[in-house]
Amino acid sequence: MATQHPIAPEQEELLMPLTRHLRARGRAVSGPDFATALYTFRALGALVASFQVEYDVILTPTLAQPPALVGALRDDADPAREFDRIVAFTPFTALYNATGQPAVSVPLHWNAAGLPIGVMFGGRYGDESTLVSLSAQLERARPWAGRKPELW
């Protein structure tokens, strides 16, 4: 998807190394491979949607580890490594990003450093209202808007 926005060749060097890396990977994908990937995402979305016939939401962690400091995952010298770090850090969000199903992350726990630990709820296609309602109910029960980690 990084190739979808046209960039003048002389401006490509102004992009972040990770973006350039993803654009190079994207240009290497053939049309048939891209179509297969889109079909796979659609099939995956249908599979996940079928699980939600019985359930209003699916609960997962938001991240695979506590929040990282700004820039902690970045690696301009090795953007492939940076991408791998991002994927390992956010393995639960990719499904919803890829399938287009609605999801919401709410901070329902805090670690010893005061950093929020998110819980993600994935919803049915077109049912964002359930996620917004659930989030509002959880915030009323366990308010988070005024919480700030000490390092802020």
N, C-alpha and C. Protein backbone atom coordinates (compact mmCIF):
# COMPACT_ATOMS: atom_id res chain seq x y z
N MET A 1 0.82 -1.19 0.00
CA MET A 1 0.00 0.00 0.00
C MET A 1 0.87 1.26 0.00
N ALA A 2 2.14 1.13 0.40
CA ALA A 2 3.03 2.29 0.43
C ALA A 2 3.29 2.85 -0.96
N THR A 3 3.00 2.07 -1.99
CA THR A 3 3.23 2.54 -3.36
C THR A 3 2.03 3.29 -3.93
N GLN A 4 0.94 3.38 -3.20
CA GLN A 4 -0.29 3.96 -3.72
C GLN A 4 -0.27 5.48 -3.86
N HIS A 5 0.65 6.12 -3.18
CA HIS A 5 0.74 7.58 -3.27
C HIS A 5 1.92 7.94 -4.16
N PRO A 6 1.66 8.60 -5.28
CA PRO A 6 2.76 8.93 -6.19
C PRO A 6 3.71 9.95 -5.56
N ILE A 7 4.97 9.68 -5.71
CA ILE A 7 6.03 10.57 -5.22
C ILE A 7 6.97 10.81 -6.40
N ALA A 8 7.31 12.05 -6.63
CA ALA A 8 8.27 12.36 -7.69
C ALA A 8 9.59 11.68 -7.36
N PRO A 9 10.25 11.08 -8.34
CA PRO A 9 11.51 10.37 -8.08
C PRO A 9 12.53 11.20 -7.31
N GLU A 10 12.60 12.50 -7.59
CA GLU A 10 13.58 13.33 -6.88
C GLU A 10 13.18 13.60 -5.43
N GLN A 11 11.95 13.29 -5.05
CA GLN A 11 11.50 13.48 -3.67
C GLN A 11 11.51 12.20 -2.84
N GLU A 12 11.74 11.09 -3.49
CA GLU A 12 11.76 9.79 -2.80
C GLU A 12 12.76 9.81 -1.64
N GLU A 13 13.90 10.45 -1.82
CA GLU A 13 14.92 10.47 -0.76
C GLU A 13 14.47 11.25 0.47
N LEU A 14 13.41 12.06 0.37
CA LEU A 14 12.90 12.81 1.51
C LEU A 14 12.04 11.95 2.43
N LEU A 15 11.63 10.78 1.95
CA LEU A 15 10.81 9.87 2.75
C LEU A 15 11.67 9.20 3.82
N MET A 16 11.01 8.77 4.88
CA MET A 16 11.72 8.02 5.93
C MET A 16 12.24 6.71 5.33
N PRO A 17 13.35 6.20 5.86
CA PRO A 17 13.90 4.95 5.35
C PRO A 17 12.90 3.80 5.36
N LEU A 18 12.07 3.70 6.39
CA LEU A 18 11.08 2.62 6.43
C LEU A 18 10.09 2.77 5.28
N THR A 19 9.65 3.97 5.00
CA THR A 19 8.70 4.20 3.91
C THR A 19 9.34 3.84 2.57
N ARG A 20 10.58 4.23 2.37
CA ARG A 20 11.28 3.87 1.13
C ARG A 20 11.40 2.36 1.01
N HIS A 21 11.71 1.70 2.12
CA HIS A 21 11.83 0.24 2.15
C HIS A 21 10.51 -0.42 1.76
N LEU A 22 9.41 0.06 2.35
CA LEU A 22 8.10 -0.52 2.05
C LEU A 22 7.69 -0.25 0.61
N ARG A 23 8.03 0.92 0.09
CA ARG A 23 7.72 1.22 -1.31
C ARG A 23 8.51 0.30 -2.24
N ALA A 24 9.77 0.05 -1.91
CA ALA A 24 10.58 -0.86 -2.73
C ALA A 24 10.01 -2.27 -2.69
N ARG A 25 9.60 -2.73 -1.51
CA ARG A 25 8.98 -4.05 -1.41
C ARG A 25 7.68 -4.10 -2.20
N GLY A 26 6.90 -3.03 -2.14
CA GLY A 26 5.63 -2.97 -2.86
C GLY A 26 5.82 -3.02 -4.36
N ARG A 27 6.83 -2.33 -4.86
CA ARG A 27 7.09 -2.33 -6.30
C ARG A 27 7.51 -3.71 -6.80
N ALA A 28 8.00 -4.55 -5.90
CA ALA A 28 8.45 -5.89 -6.28
C ALA A 28 7.30 -6.90 -6.35
N VAL A 29 6.11 -6.50 -5.92
CA VAL A 29 4.96 -7.41 -5.92
C VAL A 29 4.28 -7.34 -7.29
N SER A 30 4.04 -8.50 -7.86
CA SER A 30 3.38 -8.56 -9.17
C SER A 30 1.88 -8.32 -9.01
N GLY A 31 1.23 -8.01 -10.11
CA GLY A 31 -0.22 -7.83 -10.10
C GLY A 31 -0.95 -9.07 -9.60
N PRO A 32 -0.64 -10.26 -10.12
CA PRO A 32 -1.31 -11.46 -9.62
C PRO A 32 -1.06 -11.71 -8.12
N ASP A 33 0.16 -11.44 -7.66
CA ASP A 33 0.44 -11.62 -6.23
C ASP A 33 -0.35 -10.63 -5.39
N PHE A 34 -0.48 -9.40 -5.88
CA PHE A 34 -1.27 -8.39 -5.16
C PHE A 34 -2.74 -8.82 -5.09
N ALA A 35 -3.27 -9.31 -6.21
CA ALA A 35 -4.66 -9.78 -6.24
C ALA A 35 -4.86 -10.95 -5.28
N THR A 36 -3.90 -11.86 -5.22
CA THR A 36 -3.97 -12.99 -4.29
C THR A 36 -3.98 -12.50 -2.85
N ALA A 37 -3.14 -11.50 -2.56
CA ALA A 37 -3.10 -10.95 -1.20
C ALA A 37 -4.43 -10.31 -0.84
N LEU A 38 -5.02 -9.56 -1.77
CA LEU A 38 -6.33 -8.95 -1.50
C LEU A 38 -7.39 -10.01 -1.26
N TYR A 39 -7.37 -11.07 -2.05
CA TYR A 39 -8.32 -12.17 -1.86
C TYR A 39 -8.11 -12.81 -0.48
N THR A 40 -6.86 -13.00 -0.08
CA THR A 40 -6.54 -13.60 1.21
C THR A 40 -7.07 -12.72 2.34
N PHE A 41 -6.88 -11.40 2.24
CA PHE A 41 -7.40 -10.48 3.26
C PHE A 41 -8.92 -10.57 3.34
N ARG A 42 -9.57 -10.63 2.18
CA ARG A 42 -11.03 -10.72 2.16
C ARG A 42 -11.49 -12.03 2.81
N ALA A 43 -10.82 -13.13 2.48
CA ALA A 43 -11.18 -14.43 3.07
C ALA A 43 -10.93 -14.43 4.57
N LEU A 44 -9.83 -13.81 5.00
CA LEU A 44 -9.53 -13.72 6.42
C LEU A 44 -10.59 -12.89 7.14
N GLY A 45 -10.98 -11.78 6.51
CA GLY A 45 -12.04 -10.96 7.08
C GLY A 45 -13.34 -11.72 7.22
N ALA A 46 -13.69 -12.52 6.21
CA ALA A 46 -14.91 -13.32 6.25
C ALA A 46 -14.83 -14.37 7.36
N LEU A 47 -13.65 -14.96 7.54
CA LEU A 47 -13.46 -15.96 8.60
C LEU A 47 -13.64 -15.32 9.98
N VAL A 48 -12.99 -14.19 10.19
CA VAL A 48 -13.12 -13.50 11.48
C VAL A 48 -14.56 -13.06 11.69
N ALA A 49 -15.19 -12.55 10.64
CA ALA A 49 -16.59 -12.12 10.75
C ALA A 49 -17.48 -13.30 11.13
N SER A 50 -17.15 -14.50 10.64
CA SER A 50 -17.97 -15.67 10.98
C SER A 50 -17.87 -16.01 12.46
N PHE A 51 -16.72 -15.73 13.09
CA PHE A 51 -16.58 -15.96 14.53
C PHE A 51 -17.50 -15.02 15.30
N GLN A 52 -17.74 -13.86 14.73
CA GLN A 52 -18.50 -12.85 15.45
C GLN A 52 -20.00 -12.96 15.26
N VAL A 53 -20.45 -14.02 14.65
CA VAL A 53 -21.89 -14.26 14.57
C VAL A 53 -22.43 -14.45 15.99
N GLU A 54 -21.66 -15.14 16.82
CA GLU A 54 -22.09 -15.43 18.19
C GLU A 54 -21.61 -14.40 19.20
N TYR A 55 -20.60 -13.60 18.86
CA TYR A 55 -19.98 -12.69 19.82
C TYR A 55 -20.05 -11.25 19.32
N ASP A 56 -20.38 -10.35 20.23
CA ASP A 56 -20.44 -8.93 19.87
C ASP A 56 -19.05 -8.36 19.60
N VAL A 57 -18.08 -8.77 20.42
CA VAL A 57 -16.71 -8.27 20.27
C VAL A 57 -15.73 -9.41 20.52
N ILE A 58 -14.53 -9.24 19.99
CA ILE A 58 -13.42 -10.15 20.27
C ILE A 58 -12.39 -9.35 21.05
N LEU A 59 -11.92 -9.89 22.15
CA LEU A 59 -10.97 -9.24 23.05
C LEU A 59 -9.57 -9.77 22.81
N THR A 60 -8.61 -8.86 22.61
CA THR A 60 -7.20 -9.23 22.52
C THR A 60 -6.37 -8.15 23.21
N PRO A 61 -5.10 -8.43 23.48
CA PRO A 61 -4.22 -7.33 23.88
C PRO A 61 -4.10 -6.37 22.70
N THR A 62 -3.71 -5.14 22.97
CA THR A 62 -3.44 -4.21 21.87
C THR A 62 -2.01 -4.42 21.38
N LEU A 63 -1.07 -4.48 22.30
CA LEU A 63 0.35 -4.65 21.97
C LEU A 63 0.89 -5.93 22.57
N ALA A 64 2.02 -6.39 22.06
CA ALA A 64 2.65 -7.61 22.57
C ALA A 64 3.55 -7.34 23.77
N GLN A 65 3.78 -6.07 24.08
CA GLN A 65 4.62 -5.69 25.21
C GLN A 65 4.22 -4.29 25.66
N PRO A 66 4.71 -3.85 26.81
CA PRO A 66 4.34 -2.50 27.27
C PRO A 66 4.73 -1.43 26.25
N PRO A 67 4.09 -0.27 26.33
CA PRO A 67 4.39 0.81 25.38
C PRO A 67 5.88 1.12 25.31
N ALA A 68 6.35 1.38 24.11
CA ALA A 68 7.76 1.73 23.90
C ALA A 68 7.91 3.24 23.89
N LEU A 69 9.10 3.69 24.20
CA LEU A 69 9.39 5.12 24.10
C LEU A 69 9.31 5.55 22.64
N VAL A 70 8.98 6.79 22.41
CA VAL A 70 8.91 7.32 21.05
C VAL A 70 10.27 7.10 20.38
N GLY A 71 10.24 6.48 19.22
CA GLY A 71 11.45 6.23 18.46
C GLY A 71 12.19 4.95 18.81
N ALA A 72 11.73 4.22 19.83
CA ALA A 72 12.45 3.02 20.28
C ALA A 72 12.46 1.91 19.24
N LEU A 73 11.49 1.85 18.37
CA LEU A 73 11.43 0.78 17.37
C LEU A 73 12.12 1.19 16.07
N ARG A 74 12.42 2.45 15.94
CA ARG A 74 12.96 2.98 14.69
C ARG A 74 14.40 2.53 14.47
N ASP A 75 14.72 2.20 13.21
CA ASP A 75 16.08 1.79 12.85
C ASP A 75 16.33 2.24 11.41
N ASP A 76 16.75 3.49 11.26
CA ASP A 76 16.97 4.04 9.92
C ASP A 76 18.06 3.30 9.16
N ALA A 77 19.01 2.70 9.88
CA ALA A 77 20.09 1.98 9.21
C ALA A 77 19.62 0.65 8.65
N ASP A 78 18.55 0.09 9.22
CA ASP A 78 18.03 -1.21 8.78
C ASP A 78 16.51 -1.20 8.82
N PRO A 79 15.88 -0.58 7.81
CA PRO A 79 14.41 -0.48 7.84
C PRO A 79 13.70 -1.83 7.83
N ALA A 80 14.31 -2.86 7.29
CA ALA A 80 13.69 -4.19 7.34
C ALA A 80 13.60 -4.66 8.79
N ARG A 81 14.64 -4.40 9.54
CA ARG A 81 14.64 -4.75 10.97
C ARG A 81 13.58 -3.91 11.71
N GLU A 82 13.49 -2.63 11.36
CA GLU A 82 12.47 -1.77 11.97
C GLU A 82 11.06 -2.32 11.71
N PHE A 83 10.81 -2.73 10.48
CA PHE A 83 9.50 -3.29 10.14
C PHE A 83 9.23 -4.55 10.96
N ASP A 84 10.23 -5.42 11.09
CA ASP A 84 10.07 -6.63 11.89
C ASP A 84 9.76 -6.30 13.35
N ARG A 85 10.41 -5.26 13.87
CA ARG A 85 10.14 -4.83 15.26
C ARG A 85 8.69 -4.35 15.40
N ILE A 86 8.23 -3.59 14.43
CA ILE A 86 6.86 -3.07 14.48
C ILE A 86 5.87 -4.23 14.43
N VAL A 87 6.11 -5.18 13.55
CA VAL A 87 5.21 -6.34 13.43
C VAL A 87 5.18 -7.13 14.74
N ALA A 88 6.34 -7.33 15.36
CA ALA A 88 6.39 -8.07 16.62
C ALA A 88 5.73 -7.29 17.75
N PHE A 89 5.79 -5.97 17.69
CA PHE A 89 5.22 -5.11 18.72
C PHE A 89 3.70 -5.04 18.63
N THR A 90 3.15 -5.13 17.42
CA THR A 90 1.71 -4.94 17.20
C THR A 90 1.06 -6.12 16.47
N PRO A 91 1.28 -7.35 16.91
CA PRO A 91 0.75 -8.49 16.15
C PRO A 91 -0.77 -8.61 16.16
N PHE A 92 -1.44 -8.01 17.13
CA PHE A 92 -2.88 -8.19 17.26
C PHE A 92 -3.67 -7.19 16.43
N THR A 93 -3.07 -6.05 16.11
CA THR A 93 -3.80 -5.02 15.37
C THR A 93 -3.82 -5.29 13.87
N ALA A 94 -2.88 -6.06 13.38
CA ALA A 94 -2.75 -6.28 11.93
C ALA A 94 -4.01 -6.90 11.32
N LEU A 95 -4.64 -7.80 12.02
CA LEU A 95 -5.84 -8.46 11.50
C LEU A 95 -6.92 -7.43 11.17
N TYR A 96 -7.13 -6.50 12.07
CA TYR A 96 -8.18 -5.49 11.85
C TYR A 96 -7.75 -4.45 10.83
N ASN A 97 -6.48 -4.11 10.81
CA ASN A 97 -5.98 -3.20 9.78
C ASN A 97 -6.14 -3.82 8.39
N ALA A 98 -5.87 -5.11 8.28
CA ALA A 98 -5.92 -5.78 6.98
C ALA A 98 -7.34 -6.04 6.50
N THR A 99 -8.24 -6.36 7.43
CA THR A 99 -9.59 -6.74 7.02
C THR A 99 -10.57 -5.57 7.02
N GLY A 100 -10.19 -4.47 7.65
CA GLY A 100 -11.08 -3.31 7.68
C GLY A 100 -12.20 -3.42 8.69
N GLN A 101 -12.13 -4.40 9.56
CA GLN A 101 -13.13 -4.50 10.61
C GLN A 101 -12.84 -3.44 11.68
N PRO A 102 -13.89 -2.94 12.33
CA PRO A 102 -13.66 -1.92 13.34
C PRO A 102 -13.01 -2.51 14.59
N ALA A 103 -12.18 -1.72 15.23
CA ALA A 103 -11.54 -2.13 16.48
C ALA A 103 -11.26 -0.87 17.28
N VAL A 104 -11.13 -1.06 18.59
CA VAL A 104 -10.83 0.06 19.47
C VAL A 104 -9.89 -0.46 20.56
N SER A 105 -8.97 0.40 20.97
CA SER A 105 -8.07 0.07 22.06
C SER A 105 -8.38 0.99 23.23
N VAL A 106 -8.52 0.41 24.41
CA VAL A 106 -8.77 1.20 25.61
C VAL A 106 -7.74 0.84 26.67
N PRO A 107 -7.24 1.84 27.41
CA PRO A 107 -6.23 1.58 28.44
C PRO A 107 -6.89 1.16 29.75
N LEU A 108 -6.91 -0.12 30.01
CA LEU A 108 -7.59 -0.62 31.21
C LEU A 108 -6.65 -1.06 32.32
N HIS A 109 -5.36 -0.96 32.08
CA HIS A 109 -4.39 -1.34 33.11
C HIS A 109 -3.18 -0.43 32.95
N TRP A 110 -2.39 -0.29 33.99
CA TRP A 110 -1.17 0.50 33.93
C TRP A 110 -0.06 -0.30 34.59
N ASN A 111 1.12 -0.26 33.98
CA ASN A 111 2.23 -1.01 34.57
C ASN A 111 2.87 -0.20 35.69
N ALA A 112 3.93 -0.74 36.30
CA ALA A 112 4.57 -0.09 37.44
C ALA A 112 5.12 1.29 37.09
N ALA A 113 5.47 1.50 35.83
CA ALA A 113 5.98 2.81 35.39
C ALA A 113 4.85 3.79 35.08
N GLY A 114 3.62 3.35 35.24
CA GLY A 114 2.48 4.21 34.96
C GLY A 114 2.09 4.27 33.50
N LEU A 115 2.66 3.38 32.68
CA LEU A 115 2.32 3.36 31.26
C LEU A 115 1.05 2.55 31.04
N PRO A 116 0.19 3.01 30.14
CA PRO A 116 -1.07 2.30 29.91
C PRO A 116 -0.86 0.98 29.18
N ILE A 117 -1.64 0.01 29.58
CA ILE A 117 -1.68 -1.29 28.92
C ILE A 117 -3.04 -1.39 28.25
N GLY A 118 -3.04 -1.43 26.93
CA GLY A 118 -4.28 -1.41 26.18
C GLY A 118 -4.91 -2.77 25.98
N VAL A 119 -6.22 -2.75 25.92
CA VAL A 119 -7.02 -3.92 25.58
C VAL A 119 -7.76 -3.56 24.30
N MET A 120 -7.72 -4.45 23.32
CA MET A 120 -8.37 -4.16 22.05
C MET A 120 -9.63 -5.00 21.91
N PHE A 121 -10.66 -4.33 21.44
CA PHE A 121 -11.92 -5.00 21.13
C PHE A 121 -12.14 -4.88 19.63
N GLY A 122 -12.34 -6.02 18.97
CA GLY A 122 -12.66 -6.03 17.56
C GLY A 122 -14.14 -6.25 17.39
N GLY A 123 -14.73 -5.52 16.46
CA GLY A 123 -16.18 -5.59 16.29
C GLY A 123 -16.59 -6.15 14.94
N ARG A 124 -17.89 -6.28 14.80
CA ARG A 124 -18.47 -6.75 13.54
C ARG A 124 -18.38 -5.63 12.51
N TYR A 125 -18.33 -6.01 11.24
CA TYR A 125 -18.36 -5.02 10.16
C TYR A 125 -19.55 -4.10 10.35
N GLY A 126 -19.31 -2.81 10.29
CA GLY A 126 -20.39 -1.83 10.37
C GLY A 126 -20.95 -1.60 11.75
N ASP A 127 -20.38 -2.23 12.78
CA ASP A 127 -20.93 -2.11 14.12
C ASP A 127 -20.00 -1.32 15.04
N GLU A 128 -19.54 -0.18 14.56
CA GLU A 128 -18.68 0.68 15.37
C GLU A 128 -19.40 1.15 16.63
N SER A 129 -20.73 1.29 16.55
CA SER A 129 -21.49 1.81 17.69
C SER A 129 -21.34 0.93 18.93
N THR A 130 -21.25 -0.37 18.75
CA THR A 130 -21.05 -1.26 19.90
C THR A 130 -19.70 -0.98 20.55
N LEU A 131 -18.67 -0.77 19.73
CA LEU A 131 -17.34 -0.49 20.27
C LEU A 131 -17.28 0.85 20.98
N VAL A 132 -17.92 1.86 20.41
CA VAL A 132 -17.95 3.19 21.05
C VAL A 132 -18.70 3.11 22.36
N SER A 133 -19.84 2.43 22.37
CA SER A 133 -20.64 2.28 23.59
C SER A 133 -19.86 1.52 24.67
N LEU A 134 -19.24 0.42 24.29
CA LEU A 134 -18.44 -0.36 25.24
C LEU A 134 -17.30 0.48 25.80
N SER A 135 -16.62 1.22 24.94
CA SER A 135 -15.51 2.07 25.39
C SER A 135 -15.98 3.11 26.39
N ALA A 136 -17.11 3.73 26.10
CA ALA A 136 -17.66 4.74 27.00
C ALA A 136 -18.03 4.14 28.36
N GLN A 137 -18.62 2.95 28.35
CA GLN A 137 -18.99 2.29 29.59
C GLN A 137 -17.74 1.96 30.41
N LEU A 138 -16.69 1.48 29.73
CA LEU A 138 -15.45 1.14 30.43
C LEU A 138 -14.77 2.38 30.98
N GLU A 139 -14.81 3.48 30.24
CA GLU A 139 -14.18 4.70 30.74
C GLU A 139 -14.94 5.23 31.96
N ARG A 140 -16.25 5.12 31.95
CA ARG A 140 -17.02 5.54 33.14
C ARG A 140 -16.66 4.66 34.35
N ALA A 141 -16.50 3.38 34.12
CA ALA A 141 -16.20 2.45 35.21
C ALA A 141 -14.76 2.57 35.70
N ARG A 142 -13.85 2.92 34.81
CA ARG A 142 -12.42 2.99 35.16
C ARG A 142 -11.80 4.14 34.37
N PRO A 143 -12.03 5.37 34.80
CA PRO A 143 -11.59 6.55 34.04
C PRO A 143 -10.09 6.56 33.76
N TRP A 144 -9.76 7.01 32.56
CA TRP A 144 -8.35 7.08 32.18
C TRP A 144 -7.93 8.43 31.61
N ALA A 145 -8.87 9.28 31.32
CA ALA A 145 -8.55 10.54 30.63
C ALA A 145 -7.53 11.39 31.40
N GLY A 146 -7.58 11.38 32.71
CA GLY A 146 -6.66 12.21 33.49
C GLY A 146 -5.37 11.55 33.89
N ARG A 147 -5.19 10.30 33.52
CA ARG A 147 -3.97 9.57 33.92
C ARG A 147 -2.81 9.91 32.99
N LYS A 148 -1.67 10.23 33.59
CA LYS A 148 -0.46 10.52 32.82
C LYS A 148 0.72 9.81 33.48
N PRO A 149 1.55 9.14 32.70
CA PRO A 149 2.73 8.49 33.30
C PRO A 149 3.66 9.53 33.90
N GLU A 150 4.38 9.15 34.96
CA GLU A 150 5.30 10.06 35.62
C GLU A 150 6.34 10.64 34.67
N LEU A 151 6.77 9.85 33.66
CA LEU A 151 7.81 10.34 32.78
C LEU A 151 7.35 11.48 31.90
N TRP A 152 6.02 11.78 31.87
CA TRP A 152 5.50 12.92 31.11
C TRP A 152 5.75 14.16 31.88
